[in-house]
Amino acid sequence: MTVLYYDITMLNYDITLLYYELTVYYYDITMLYYAITMLFYDITISLHYYDNTMLHYDITMVYYDIIMLYYDNKILYYDITRLYYDIKMLHYDIKMIYYDITMLYYDIKMLNCDILMLY
């Protein structure tokens, strides 16, 4: 039962971690959206007023936001993989508990037969 408790605790931890990673992922996508919006806004300004001062900054921001999303995707993949394996371990532990209970049932049955044979 301790193993089952440990597996459930790990599953809960991984679900919480996945929730936080999805929240970070959402904010990174939002940041990328705003960076691209600013880039187009500054492209419009540079085409209209011939002012390119902000374009370099905006392109750099979009680049860094794309890199952040790339790493967030990797972290998200590892979190989902971890969650998958935790669920798999929980499944196997529940199966083992079932087999242990079944074995206990047959042991009690055998003990009952042994007691009857003593008489």
Foldseek 3Di string as FASTA:
>chain_A
DVLLVVLVVQLVVLVVVLVVLVVVLVVLVVQLVVLVVVLVVLVVVCVVVVDCPCNVVSVVSNVVSVVVNVVSVVVNVVSVVSSVVSVVSSVVVVVVVVVVVVVVVVVVVVVVVVVVVVD
